[in-house]
């Protein structure tokens, strides 16, 4: 044995020099999860099969294949050579990576694992660290699609002694992006149509990757119709066709548009939506000053708050319509150059005062609930949102206004006659007393201006005397009309219940009131006496004439009896 050991040492030397080196071997056979390899030494080595394939893949080796292996130890406790395919690949990879790093070249690798602060990358046998900040130009939420795929990396740092390698995918993307950007920007012009991919979405728009350079697609340029948020029409990763709207050479900012590639729905809108035409639309937005209604995708009109309701005044539009509600509107005005359409909501529903007038012309009798009682009359419901008013003077023919008003209560159902409908002023006048004939109508028909009537004093006032004529009409004699002589024009000389003959000066049929004059009656009697019994020019005194007239009247009265 000593001779054999000496012979071996003589042949190979006491330090074989194989440990730590890479040798070529031939696979003898496959035993379970190991490959038995002959490297031409005194014994064979066993190498785990998993070292013959990249992480996550199955090894494709068989007996007879030649492979390079790393000799870790010349002989273990069992006398076998300890070999490593992985370390052999690593040694080879390190050598190649050092050359690439020195030359500033990119290297290909596969992201296969996740570690604290980043990811692990297989660089053909050598394991490198990819920091999270170096994965992409912008933060990436899901790295799943990037894992398991061969892609280029840039080596940032190498330390063979410690076995550390730091790589960057971002550096490669930035370099590639800069090249593509320079090439794209060089030939970029406004009006060009390009293909892109939605890369990011914000509240004000979306960033579209044009192949190395990003452009901003503003929310107002996505579609002709109103879009509140870009996510309503776009999603990340979506392929889109866009047009370059503006390109600033100095800032390198690119503004994009999608709606510019579609036909403008406003072309010929005045023909499609003529004034006074009635159309259906959908409420898209509500503001303090009105509501926007979409007539078709991309065409909206404004219903001003003043055009929303006939009856609801000073009410927020949100209390009349709701977003997404289907409504019928009337076209009030179209300004195609300014892309404005004025709409009317109330006009499409019909003026309730017009509707009421058509159904209930003056003279009609209606029935409604008393909605309110005021000091000047009753408000009676004549429609869902409109009222008619019964004035105090139209409550009763005979009762005083305040006394007649006290009879009614809020919520009571009453009948009334339509007296007048003013559509323009939105007023409806009603009357309750008009449901019955005026009891004074017959008397008013008989009494004429200039007639002599007899009244009974009902009230004495400082400025005159009030009388009742035929117990139904009210007459008033002003102080100056109480007598011909000024000294006799005293209201206090009359008593309530006293009869007075007076001449009718004026007839107010609406107020059922007469303006009377005792003075005019006396003057008229004097003129008639002067005409019948002589004048002062003939030598007779006024007393003689009046005395004769009185005697004449007495004689006529006696004969009549």
Protein backbone atom coordinates (compact mmCIF):
# COMPACT_ATOMS: atom_id res chain seq x y z
CA UNK A 1 0.00 0.00 0.00
CA UNK A 2 2.84 2.36 0.80
CA UNK A 3 4.37 1.62 -2.60
CA UNK A 4 0.99 2.32 -4.28
CA UNK A 5 0.57 5.66 -2.43
CA UNK A 6 4.11 6.65 -3.37
CA UNK A 7 3.46 5.66 -6.97
CA UNK A 8 0.24 7.79 -6.95
CA UNK A 9 1.99 10.74 -5.40
CA UNK A 10 4.74 10.37 -7.93
CA UNK A 11 2.18 10.35 -10.72
CA UNK A 12 -0.21 13.07 -9.45
CA UNK A 13 1.89 14.71 -6.79
CA UNK A 14 0.96 15.15 -3.14
CA UNK A 15 -1.26 18.19 -4.06
CA UNK A 16 -3.19 17.17 -7.10
CA UNK A 17 -4.29 20.76 -7.85
CA UNK A 18 -7.72 19.61 -8.93
CA UNK A 19 -9.60 21.15 -5.95
CA UNK A 20 -11.05 24.54 -6.92
CA UNK A 21 -10.67 23.96 -10.64
CA UNK A 22 -13.08 23.28 -13.48
CA UNK A 23 -12.74 19.91 -15.24
CA UNK A 24 -14.59 18.18 -18.07
CA UNK A 25 -16.47 14.97 -17.23
CA UNK A 26 -18.74 12.42 -18.85
CA UNK A 27 -22.07 11.36 -17.38
CA UNK A 28 -21.94 7.64 -16.68
CA UNK A 29 -25.49 7.13 -15.48
CA UNK A 30 -28.45 8.73 -13.72
CA UNK A 31 -29.17 7.44 -10.19
CA UNK A 32 -32.44 8.85 -8.79
CA UNK A 33 -31.79 12.59 -8.27
CA UNK A 34 -28.07 12.42 -9.01
CA UNK A 35 -25.86 12.16 -12.04
CA UNK A 36 -22.75 9.92 -11.73
CA UNK A 37 -19.88 11.62 -13.56
CA UNK A 38 -16.44 10.33 -14.59
CA UNK A 39 -13.84 13.12 -14.67
CA UNK A 40 -10.83 10.79 -15.29
CA UNK A 41 -9.73 10.63 -11.68
CA UNK A 42 -9.44 7.73 -9.31
CA UNK A 43 -13.13 7.83 -8.46
CA UNK A 44 -16.41 9.04 -9.88
CA UNK A 45 -18.42 12.01 -8.57
CA UNK A 46 -22.13 12.52 -7.86
CA UNK A 47 -23.86 15.74 -8.86
CA UNK A 48 -27.52 16.65 -7.96
CA UNK A 49 -29.71 16.77 -11.08
CA UNK A 50 -31.18 20.14 -10.07
CA UNK A 51 -27.80 21.75 -10.77
CA UNK A 52 -28.08 20.91 -14.45
CA UNK A 53 -31.05 23.21 -15.13
CA UNK A 54 -32.03 26.82 -14.40
CA UNK A 55 -34.34 27.41 -11.42
CA UNK A 56 -37.83 26.07 -12.02
CA UNK A 57 -36.87 23.94 -15.05
CA UNK A 58 -36.22 20.22 -15.53
CA UNK A 59 -32.69 19.08 -16.46
CA UNK A 60 -32.22 17.68 -19.94
CA UNK A 61 -29.18 15.38 -19.59
CA UNK A 62 -28.50 11.70 -20.26
CA UNK A 63 -25.69 9.14 -19.97
CA UNK A 64 -22.82 9.92 -22.31
CA UNK A 65 -23.24 13.73 -22.19
CA UNK A 66 -20.11 15.76 -21.57
CA UNK A 67 -20.30 18.53 -18.99
CA UNK A 68 -17.98 20.90 -17.18
CA UNK A 69 -17.84 20.59 -13.40
CA UNK A 70 -16.22 22.37 -10.49
CA UNK A 71 -14.06 20.22 -8.17
CA UNK A 72 -14.88 21.25 -4.64
CA UNK A 73 -12.79 18.58 -2.90
CA UNK A 74 -10.58 15.96 -4.36
CA UNK A 75 -11.79 13.33 -1.90
CA UNK A 76 -14.47 13.28 0.78
CA UNK A 77 -14.79 10.93 3.73
CA UNK A 78 -16.13 8.22 1.42
CA UNK A 79 -13.26 8.64 -1.01
CA UNK A 80 -15.50 10.24 -3.66
CA UNK A 81 -14.72 13.38 -5.58
CA UNK A 82 -17.08 16.28 -4.64
CA UNK A 83 -18.24 17.97 -7.85
CA UNK A 84 -20.60 20.89 -8.57
CA UNK A 85 -22.20 21.76 -11.87
CA UNK A 86 -23.69 24.92 -10.37
CA UNK A 87 -20.33 26.25 -9.25
CA UNK A 88 -18.85 25.40 -12.61
CA UNK A 89 -21.54 27.41 -14.31
CA UNK A 90 -21.02 30.18 -11.76
CA UNK A 91 -17.30 30.31 -12.40
CA UNK A 92 -17.93 30.44 -16.11
CA UNK A 93 -20.68 32.99 -15.66
CA UNK A 94 -18.52 35.22 -13.42
CA UNK A 95 -15.80 35.19 -16.01
CA UNK A 96 -18.22 36.19 -18.76
CA UNK A 97 -19.98 38.75 -16.54
CA UNK A 98 -16.68 40.42 -15.65
CA UNK A 99 -15.88 40.78 -19.32
CA UNK A 100 -19.35 42.24 -20.01
CA UNK A 101 -19.13 44.60 -17.03
CA UNK A 102 -15.71 45.86 -18.10
CA UNK A 103 -17.02 46.40 -21.62
CA UNK A 104 -20.25 48.07 -20.38
CA UNK A 105 -22.37 45.48 -22.15
CA UNK A 106 -25.81 44.26 -21.16
CA UNK A 107 -26.30 40.72 -19.89
CA UNK A 108 -29.33 38.44 -20.10
CA UNK A 109 -30.94 37.04 -16.99
CA UNK A 110 -34.11 35.56 -15.52
CA UNK A 111 -35.92 36.92 -12.45
CA UNK A 112 -36.71 33.81 -10.40
CA UNK A 113 -37.20 34.86 -6.79
CA UNK A 114 -38.27 37.60 -4.41
CA UNK A 115 -36.10 38.75 -1.48
CA UNK A 116 -36.20 41.62 0.94
CA UNK A 117 -35.83 44.89 -0.95
CA UNK A 118 -35.89 43.35 -4.41
CA UNK A 119 -35.54 40.18 -6.50
CA UNK A 120 -32.99 37.48 -7.43
CA UNK A 121 -31.83 37.11 -11.01
CA UNK A 122 -30.11 34.12 -12.62
CA UNK A 123 -27.36 35.39 -14.94
CA UNK A 124 -26.50 32.06 -16.54
CA UNK A 125 -25.34 30.47 -13.29
CA UNK A 126 -24.45 33.49 -11.22
CA UNK A 127 -27.14 34.87 -8.92
CA UNK A 128 -27.53 38.65 -8.86
CA UNK A 129 -29.64 41.06 -6.79
CA UNK A 130 -32.19 43.31 -8.52
CA UNK A 131 -33.30 46.18 -6.21
CA UNK A 132 -37.03 47.02 -6.34
CA UNK A 133 -36.25 50.55 -7.50
CA UNK A 134 -34.36 49.17 -10.51
CA UNK A 135 -37.16 46.98 -11.89
CA UNK A 136 -38.82 49.63 -14.08
CA UNK A 137 -38.87 53.34 -14.80
CA UNK A 138 -42.11 53.70 -12.84
CA UNK A 139 -43.13 51.66 -9.78
CA UNK A 140 -44.52 48.27 -10.77
CA UNK A 141 -47.29 46.81 -8.63
CA UNK A 142 -47.25 43.33 -10.13
CA UNK A 143 -43.88 41.83 -11.13
CA UNK A 144 -45.44 38.45 -11.91
CA UNK A 145 -45.44 38.94 -15.72
CA UNK A 146 -41.71 39.74 -15.63
CA UNK A 147 -40.62 36.64 -13.75
CA UNK A 148 -39.34 33.57 -15.58
CA UNK A 149 -38.58 35.50 -18.77
CA UNK A 150 -35.13 36.10 -20.21
CA UNK A 151 -34.47 39.84 -20.48
CA UNK A 152 -31.50 42.20 -20.55
CA UNK A 153 -29.94 43.76 -17.46
CA UNK A 154 -27.18 46.25 -16.77
CA UNK A 155 -24.51 45.32 -14.20
CA UNK A 156 -24.20 48.07 -11.61
CA UNK A 157 -21.74 46.43 -9.20
CA UNK A 158 -19.63 43.21 -8.93
CA UNK A 159 -17.62 41.81 -6.01
CA UNK A 160 -16.25 38.35 -6.84
CA UNK A 161 -14.64 37.90 -3.44
CA UNK A 162 -17.97 38.36 -1.70
CA UNK A 163 -19.99 36.88 -4.53
CA UNK A 164 -22.18 39.98 -4.88
CA UNK A 165 -23.70 41.22 -8.15
CA UNK A 166 -26.18 44.10 -8.43
CA UNK A 167 -28.06 44.56 -11.70
CA UNK A 168 -30.61 47.00 -13.08
CA UNK A 169 -33.46 46.51 -15.53
CA UNK A 170 -34.40 50.18 -15.27
CA UNK A 171 -31.08 51.33 -16.71
CA UNK A 172 -31.68 49.19 -19.78
CA UNK A 173 -35.21 50.55 -20.19
CA UNK A 174 -34.05 54.13 -19.81
CA UNK A 175 -31.32 53.67 -22.35
CA UNK A 176 -33.68 51.94 -24.77
CA UNK A 177 -36.33 54.55 -24.07
CA UNK A 178 -33.89 57.37 -24.75
CA UNK A 179 -32.94 55.80 -28.08
CA UNK A 180 -36.55 55.25 -29.07
CA UNK A 181 -37.54 58.70 -27.84
CA UNK A 182 -34.81 60.38 -29.86
CA UNK A 183 -35.85 58.45 -32.95
CA UNK A 184 -39.57 59.11 -32.42
CA UNK A 185 -39.23 62.76 -31.44
CA UNK A 186 -37.06 63.47 -34.44
CA UNK A 187 -39.91 62.65 -36.81
CA UNK A 188 -42.81 63.70 -34.59
CA UNK A 189 -45.29 66.20 -36.04
CA UNK A 190 -48.67 67.54 -34.99
CA UNK A 191 -51.49 65.65 -36.64
CA UNK A 192 -49.62 62.32 -36.76
CA UNK A 193 -51.63 59.21 -35.87
CA UNK A 194 -49.79 56.75 -33.62
CA UNK A 195 -50.44 53.49 -31.79
CA UNK A 196 -49.85 53.45 -28.07
CA UNK A 197 -50.51 51.63 -24.82
CA UNK A 198 -52.17 53.18 -21.77
CA UNK A 199 -49.45 53.22 -19.14
CA UNK A 200 -50.97 55.21 -16.29
CA UNK A 201 -54.32 56.79 -15.42
CA UNK A 202 -54.83 59.94 -13.34
CA UNK A 203 -57.81 62.11 -12.46
CA UNK A 204 -57.04 64.51 -15.30
CA UNK A 205 -56.11 62.05 -18.06
CA UNK A 206 -53.99 59.07 -19.08
CA UNK A 207 -50.33 58.65 -20.04
CA UNK A 208 -49.88 56.71 -23.25
CA UNK A 209 -46.61 54.95 -24.15
CA UNK A 210 -45.88 55.64 -27.80
CA UNK A 211 -42.90 53.29 -27.89
CA UNK A 212 -40.20 54.91 -25.79
CA UNK A 213 -41.90 58.20 -25.15
CA UNK A 214 -45.04 59.09 -23.20
CA UNK A 215 -47.79 61.48 -24.22
CA UNK A 216 -50.65 62.90 -22.16
CA UNK A 217 -54.18 62.11 -23.25
CA UNK A 218 -56.32 64.67 -21.39
CA UNK A 219 -59.73 63.59 -20.14
CA UNK A 220 -61.43 66.16 -22.40
CA UNK A 221 -59.74 64.66 -25.48
CA UNK A 222 -60.71 61.02 -24.86
CA UNK A 223 -64.21 61.27 -26.35
CA UNK A 224 -66.71 63.87 -27.54
CA UNK A 225 -69.10 62.87 -24.78
CA UNK A 226 -68.65 64.02 -21.19
CA UNK A 227 -66.26 61.79 -19.20
CA UNK A 228 -65.91 62.45 -15.47
CA UNK A 229 -62.89 60.15 -15.01
CA UNK A 230 -60.56 58.53 -17.61
CA UNK A 231 -61.17 55.11 -16.07
CA UNK A 232 -64.70 55.26 -17.51
CA UNK A 233 -63.24 54.79 -21.01
CA UNK A 234 -59.69 53.45 -20.54
CA UNK A 235 -57.77 50.84 -18.58
CA UNK A 236 -54.06 50.27 -18.01
CA UNK A 237 -52.49 48.16 -20.73
CA UNK A 238 -55.17 48.99 -23.28
CA UNK A 239 -53.96 49.55 -26.84
CA UNK A 240 -55.21 52.82 -28.31
CA UNK A 241 -54.86 54.84 -31.49
CA UNK A 242 -54.16 58.51 -30.84
CA UNK A 243 -53.40 61.71 -32.72
CA UNK A 244 -50.68 64.20 -31.81
CA UNK A 245 -52.52 67.44 -30.97
CA UNK A 246 -49.58 69.52 -29.72
CA UNK A 247 -45.83 68.92 -29.48
CA UNK A 248 -43.51 71.28 -27.61
CA UNK A 249 -39.95 70.90 -28.92
CA UNK A 250 -38.44 72.66 -25.91
CA UNK A 251 -40.18 70.77 -23.12
CA UNK A 252 -40.64 67.58 -25.20
CA UNK A 253 -44.24 67.42 -24.00
CA UNK A 254 -46.71 65.61 -26.23
CA UNK A 255 -50.47 66.19 -26.04
CA UNK A 256 -52.61 63.44 -27.52
CA UNK A 257 -56.24 63.06 -28.53
CA UNK A 258 -58.57 60.17 -29.29
CA UNK A 259 -61.79 62.02 -30.06
CA UNK A 260 -60.05 63.83 -32.91
CA UNK A 261 -60.02 60.53 -34.80
CA UNK A 262 -63.81 60.29 -34.52
CA UNK A 263 -66.42 62.27 -36.41
CA UNK A 264 -67.50 65.43 -34.58
CA UNK A 265 -71.12 64.94 -33.45
CA UNK A 266 -71.57 68.74 -33.45
CA UNK A 267 -71.32 68.90 -37.24
CA UNK A 268 -74.80 69.79 -38.49
CA UNK A 269 -76.25 69.81 -34.98
CA UNK A 270 -78.56 72.74 -35.82
CA UNK A 271 -80.25 70.59 -38.46
CA UNK A 272 -80.49 67.53 -36.24
CA UNK A 273 -81.89 69.53 -33.31
CA UNK A 274 -84.07 72.38 -34.65
CA UNK A 275 -85.39 75.09 -32.33
CA UNK A 276 -88.76 74.19 -30.74
CA UNK A 277 -88.06 70.52 -31.40
CA UNK A 278 -88.78 68.08 -28.57
CA UNK A 279 -86.20 65.37 -27.78
CA UNK A 280 -85.30 62.88 -25.06
CA UNK A 281 -81.96 62.98 -23.26
CA UNK A 282 -80.07 61.83 -20.18
CA UNK A 283 -79.01 64.10 -17.32
CA UNK A 284 -75.20 63.92 -17.09
CA UNK A 285 -74.31 66.67 -14.66
CA UNK A 286 -76.11 68.93 -12.17
CA UNK A 287 -74.82 72.35 -11.08
CA UNK A 288 -76.17 75.28 -9.07
CA UNK A 289 -77.20 77.06 -12.27
CA UNK A 290 -78.85 74.15 -14.09
CA UNK A 291 -78.45 70.63 -15.48
CA UNK A 292 -76.61 69.26 -18.52
CA UNK A 293 -78.57 66.85 -20.69
CA UNK A 294 -76.90 64.53 -23.22
CA UNK A 295 -78.93 64.38 -26.43
CA UNK A 296 -76.48 61.93 -28.03
CA UNK A 297 -72.90 60.85 -27.21
CA UNK A 298 -70.82 64.03 -27.43
CA UNK A 299 -73.74 66.48 -27.71
CA UNK A 300 -74.96 68.10 -24.51
CA UNK A 301 -77.26 71.01 -23.81
CA UNK A 302 -77.88 73.10 -20.72
CA UNK A 303 -81.24 73.41 -19.00
CA UNK A 304 -80.90 76.65 -17.04
CA UNK A 305 -82.45 76.66 -13.58
CA UNK A 306 -85.00 79.21 -14.79
CA UNK A 307 -86.19 76.76 -17.47
CA UNK A 308 -86.63 73.75 -15.21
CA UNK A 309 -90.06 74.18 -13.65
CA UNK A 310 -93.12 76.41 -14.07
CA UNK A 311 -93.98 76.31 -10.40
CA UNK A 312 -90.82 75.50 -8.39
CA UNK A 313 -89.01 78.81 -8.10
CA UNK A 314 -85.59 79.31 -6.44
CA UNK A 315 -85.10 75.54 -6.03
CA UNK A 316 -81.79 73.74 -6.60
CA UNK A 317 -81.83 71.74 -9.87
CA UNK A 318 -80.91 68.61 -7.92
CA UNK A 319 -84.36 68.67 -6.32
CA UNK A 320 -86.05 68.61 -9.73
CA UNK A 321 -83.92 66.10 -11.69
CA UNK A 322 -81.34 63.42 -10.87
CA UNK A 323 -78.14 62.32 -12.60
CA UNK A 324 -78.73 59.63 -15.28
CA UNK A 325 -82.46 60.45 -15.34
CA UNK A 326 -84.12 60.30 -18.74
CA UNK A 327 -85.96 63.56 -19.46
CA UNK A 328 -87.83 65.20 -22.32
CA UNK A 329 -86.61 68.67 -23.31
CA UNK A 330 -87.43 71.39 -25.82
CA UNK A 331 -84.71 73.02 -27.96
CA UNK A 332 -84.72 76.75 -27.14
CA UNK A 333 -81.57 77.87 -28.96
CA UNK A 334 -78.63 76.32 -30.88
CA UNK A 335 -75.23 78.02 -31.28
CA UNK A 336 -73.25 75.55 -33.37
CA UNK A 337 -69.98 77.58 -33.60
CA UNK A 338 -69.85 77.94 -29.79
CA UNK A 339 -71.09 74.34 -29.34
CA UNK A 340 -73.95 75.41 -27.10
CA UNK A 341 -77.55 74.26 -26.94
CA UNK A 342 -80.10 75.86 -24.63
CA UNK A 343 -82.80 73.47 -23.48
CA UNK A 344 -86.10 73.87 -21.68
CA UNK A 345 -87.47 71.23 -19.37
CA UNK A 346 -90.65 73.02 -18.33
CA UNK A 347 -91.52 73.90 -21.94
CA UNK A 348 -91.59 70.22 -22.85
CA UNK A 349 -94.12 69.56 -20.10
CA UNK A 350 -96.53 72.33 -21.06
CA UNK A 351 -97.45 75.54 -19.21
CA UNK A 352 -99.88 74.52 -16.42
CA UNK A 353 -101.64 77.90 -16.70
CA UNK A 354 -102.23 77.28 -20.43
CA UNK A 355 -103.48 73.79 -19.64
CA UNK A 356 -105.79 75.14 -16.93
CA UNK A 357 -107.14 77.87 -19.24
CA UNK A 358 -107.95 75.34 -21.95
CA UNK A 359 -109.82 73.10 -19.53
CA UNK A 360 -111.36 75.83 -17.37
CA UNK A 361 -112.09 79.07 -19.28
CA UNK A 362 -113.59 82.04 -17.38
CA UNK A 363 -117.06 81.12 -16.16
CA UNK A 364 -116.15 77.51 -15.35
CA UNK A 365 -116.78 76.13 -11.88
CA UNK A 366 -113.91 74.28 -10.17
CA UNK A 367 -113.47 72.52 -6.85
CA UNK A 368 -110.27 72.60 -4.80
CA UNK A 369 -108.63 72.55 -1.40
CA UNK A 370 -107.87 75.75 0.48
CA UNK A 371 -104.07 75.74 0.69
CA UNK A 372 -103.61 79.06 2.42
CA UNK A 373 -105.62 81.88 4.01
CA UNK A 374 -104.23 85.42 4.00
CA UNK A 375 -105.52 88.84 5.00
CA UNK A 376 -106.54 89.53 1.41
CA UNK A 377 -108.20 86.23 0.48
CA UNK A 378 -108.05 82.46 -0.05
CA UNK A 379 -105.59 80.41 -2.14
CA UNK A 380 -107.31 77.38 -3.62
CA UNK A 381 -105.49 74.45 -5.32
CA UNK A 382 -106.54 74.21 -8.97
CA UNK A 383 -103.74 71.88 -10.14
CA UNK A 384 -100.82 69.78 -8.86
CA UNK A 385 -98.61 72.84 -8.37
CA UNK A 386 -100.78 75.88 -9.09
CA UNK A 387 -103.26 77.90 -7.01
CA UNK A 388 -106.07 80.30 -7.75
CA UNK A 389 -106.99 83.22 -5.49
CA UNK A 390 -110.39 84.22 -4.15
CA UNK A 391 -110.16 87.89 -3.19
CA UNK A 392 -111.91 89.16 -0.08
CA UNK A 393 -114.35 91.09 -2.25
CA UNK A 394 -115.38 87.89 -4.03
CA UNK A 395 -116.34 85.85 -0.96
CA UNK A 396 -119.88 87.09 -0.27
CA UNK A 397 -122.46 89.48 -1.73
CA UNK A 398 -123.84 90.60 1.62
CA UNK A 399 -121.38 89.82 4.44
CA UNK A 400 -118.47 92.14 5.25
CA UNK A 401 -115.17 90.81 3.86
CA UNK A 402 -113.52 90.03 7.20
CA UNK A 403 -116.64 88.31 8.48
CA UNK A 404 -116.94 86.23 5.31
CA UNK A 405 -113.24 85.21 5.46
CA UNK A 406 -113.56 83.94 9.03
CA UNK A 407 -115.95 81.21 7.88
CA UNK A 408 -113.27 79.29 5.92
CA UNK A 409 -110.51 76.97 7.19
CA UNK A 410 -107.27 75.71 5.66
CA UNK A 411 -107.69 72.26 4.07
CA UNK A 412 -111.40 72.80 3.40
CA UNK A 413 -112.76 71.82 -0.03
CA UNK A 414 -114.63 74.68 -1.73
CA UNK A 415 -116.26 75.42 -5.05
CA UNK A 416 -115.47 78.58 -6.97
CA UNK A 417 -116.06 80.17 -10.35
CA UNK A 418 -113.14 81.04 -12.64
CA UNK A 419 -113.23 84.82 -13.12
CA UNK A 420 -109.99 85.38 -15.07
CA UNK A 421 -106.80 83.53 -16.15
CA UNK A 422 -103.67 85.61 -16.84
CA UNK A 423 -101.22 83.12 -18.36
CA UNK A 424 -98.42 85.67 -18.76
CA UNK A 425 -98.56 86.79 -15.12
CA UNK A 426 -99.39 83.24 -13.96
CA UNK A 427 -102.50 84.34 -12.06
CA UNK A 428 -105.92 82.74 -11.71
CA UNK A 429 -108.77 84.78 -10.20
CA UNK A 430 -111.64 82.89 -8.57
CA UNK A 431 -114.91 83.92 -6.99
CA UNK A 432 -117.17 82.16 -4.52
CA UNK A 433 -119.99 84.68 -4.36
CA UNK A 434 -120.27 84.50 -8.16
CA UNK A 435 -121.63 80.96 -7.80
CA UNK A 436 -124.94 82.72 -6.94
CA UNK A 437 -126.71 85.54 -8.74
CA UNK A 438 -126.19 89.03 -7.35
CA UNK A 439 -129.35 89.85 -5.34
CA UNK A 440 -128.77 93.52 -6.11
CA UNK A 441 -128.61 92.98 -9.86
CA UNK A 442 -132.31 93.81 -10.40
CA UNK A 443 -132.03 97.07 -8.47
CA UNK A 444 -128.81 98.01 -10.26
CA UNK A 445 -130.54 97.42 -13.57
CA UNK A 446 -133.34 99.86 -12.62
CA UNK A 447 -131.29 102.63 -11.05
CA UNK A 448 -129.83 105.16 -13.46
CA UNK A 449 -127.68 108.23 -13.10
CA UNK A 450 -129.96 111.22 -12.39
CA UNK A 451 -132.72 109.20 -10.71
CA UNK A 452 -134.16 110.33 -7.38
CA UNK A 453 -133.99 107.54 -4.77
CA UNK A 454 -134.99 107.25 -1.16
CA UNK A 455 -132.44 105.91 1.32
CA UNK A 456 -132.40 105.17 5.03
CA UNK A 457 -129.46 106.55 7.01
CA UNK A 458 -127.28 103.62 8.19
CA UNK A 459 -124.13 105.43 9.32
CA UNK A 460 -123.10 109.01 10.04
CA UNK A 461 -119.47 109.93 9.39
CA UNK A 462 -117.49 113.16 9.57
CA UNK A 463 -117.22 113.43 5.81
CA UNK A 464 -120.76 112.41 4.95
CA UNK A 465 -123.71 110.10 5.46
CA UNK A 466 -124.09 106.44 4.40
CA UNK A 467 -127.55 105.21 3.44
CA UNK A 468 -129.19 101.93 2.40
CA UNK A 469 -131.22 102.04 -0.81
CA UNK A 470 -133.98 99.48 -1.16
CA UNK A 471 -132.30 97.62 1.71
CA UNK A 472 -129.61 96.16 -0.56
CA UNK A 473 -127.52 98.91 -2.12
CA UNK A 474 -125.14 101.17 -0.24
CA UNK A 475 -125.23 104.87 -1.05
CA UNK A 476 -123.01 107.65 0.23
CA UNK A 477 -123.71 111.38 0.39
CA UNK A 478 -120.59 113.47 0.79
CA UNK A 479 -120.70 116.40 3.21
CA UNK A 480 -120.69 118.92 0.35
CA UNK A 481 -123.70 117.16 -1.18
CA UNK A 482 -125.91 117.15 1.95
CA UNK A 483 -127.62 120.52 1.21
CA UNK A 484 -127.62 123.43 -1.18
CA UNK A 485 -126.80 125.94 1.52
CA UNK A 486 -123.37 125.60 3.17
CA UNK A 487 -124.70 126.14 6.67
CA UNK A 488 -126.94 123.11 6.24
CA UNK A 489 -124.13 120.75 5.08
CA UNK A 490 -123.81 119.11 8.50
CA UNK A 491 -123.90 115.27 8.83
CA UNK A 492 -124.87 115.51 12.49
CA UNK A 493 -128.24 117.01 11.62
CA UNK A 494 -129.26 113.56 10.32
CA UNK A 495 -130.14 110.53 12.46
CA UNK A 496 -129.69 106.80 11.80
CA UNK A 497 -132.95 105.39 10.44
CA UNK A 498 -134.02 108.73 8.93
CA UNK A 499 -135.23 108.72 5.33
CA UNK A 500 -133.43 110.89 2.77
CA UNK A 501 -134.31 111.62 -0.85
CA UNK A 502 -131.26 112.18 -3.02
CA UNK A 503 -130.26 112.31 -6.65
CA UNK A 504 -128.01 109.53 -8.10
CA UNK A 505 -124.65 110.95 -9.24
CA UNK A 506 -122.86 107.68 -10.08
CA UNK A 507 -123.58 103.92 -10.14
CA UNK A 508 -120.66 101.53 -9.33
CA UNK A 509 -122.05 98.12 -10.30
CA UNK A 510 -118.88 96.24 -9.29
CA UNK A 511 -118.90 97.71 -5.78
CA UNK A 512 -122.71 97.79 -5.65
CA UNK A 513 -122.49 101.38 -4.45
CA UNK A 514 -124.21 104.65 -5.32
CA UNK A 515 -122.88 108.19 -5.10
CA UNK A 516 -125.84 110.42 -4.02
CA UNK A 517 -126.52 114.14 -3.65
CA UNK A 518 -129.26 116.00 -1.74
CA UNK A 519 -127.82 119.26 -3.02
CA UNK A 520 -128.36 118.25 -6.67
CA UNK A 521 -131.94 117.21 -5.86
CA UNK A 522 -132.74 120.59 -4.27
CA UNK A 523 -131.13 122.51 -7.12
CA UNK A 524 -133.09 120.46 -9.64
CA UNK A 525 -136.38 121.11 -7.79
CA UNK A 526 -135.65 124.83 -7.69
CA UNK A 527 -135.04 124.93 -11.42
CA UNK A 528 -138.27 123.09 -12.14
CA UNK A 529 -140.24 125.44 -9.84
CA UNK A 530 -138.74 128.49 -11.47
CA UNK A 531 -139.63 127.08 -14.86
CA UNK A 532 -143.23 126.22 -13.92
CA UNK A 533 -144.23 129.08 -11.61
CA UNK A 534 -142.30 132.11 -12.83
CA UNK A 535 -138.99 133.83 -12.33
CA UNK A 536 -137.73 136.65 -10.19
CA UNK A 537 -137.59 138.84 -13.32
CA UNK A 538 -141.42 138.89 -13.48
CA UNK A 539 -141.60 140.54 -10.05
CA UNK A 540 -142.31 137.40 -7.99
CA UNK A 541 -140.00 136.60 -5.08
CA UNK A 542 -138.35 133.22 -4.63
CA UNK A 543 -140.51 132.66 -1.58
CA UNK A 544 -143.66 133.33 -3.62
CA UNK A 545 -142.55 130.93 -6.32
CA UNK A 546 -141.65 128.16 -3.90
CA UNK A 547 -144.86 128.76 -1.95
CA UNK A 548 -146.89 128.39 -5.11
CA UNK A 549 -145.01 125.25 -6.03
CA UNK A 550 -145.65 123.73 -2.63
CA UNK A 551 -149.33 124.58 -2.79
CA UNK A 552 -149.51 123.08 -6.26
CA UNK A 553 -147.92 119.84 -5.09
CA UNK A 554 -150.36 119.65 -2.15
CA UNK A 555 -153.35 120.22 -4.43
CA UNK A 556 -152.12 117.49 -6.80
CA UNK A 557 -151.65 115.19 -3.87
CA UNK A 558 -155.22 115.95 -2.60
CA UNK A 559 -156.70 115.27 -6.01
CA UNK A 560 -154.75 112.06 -6.23
CA UNK A 561 -156.20 110.85 -2.97
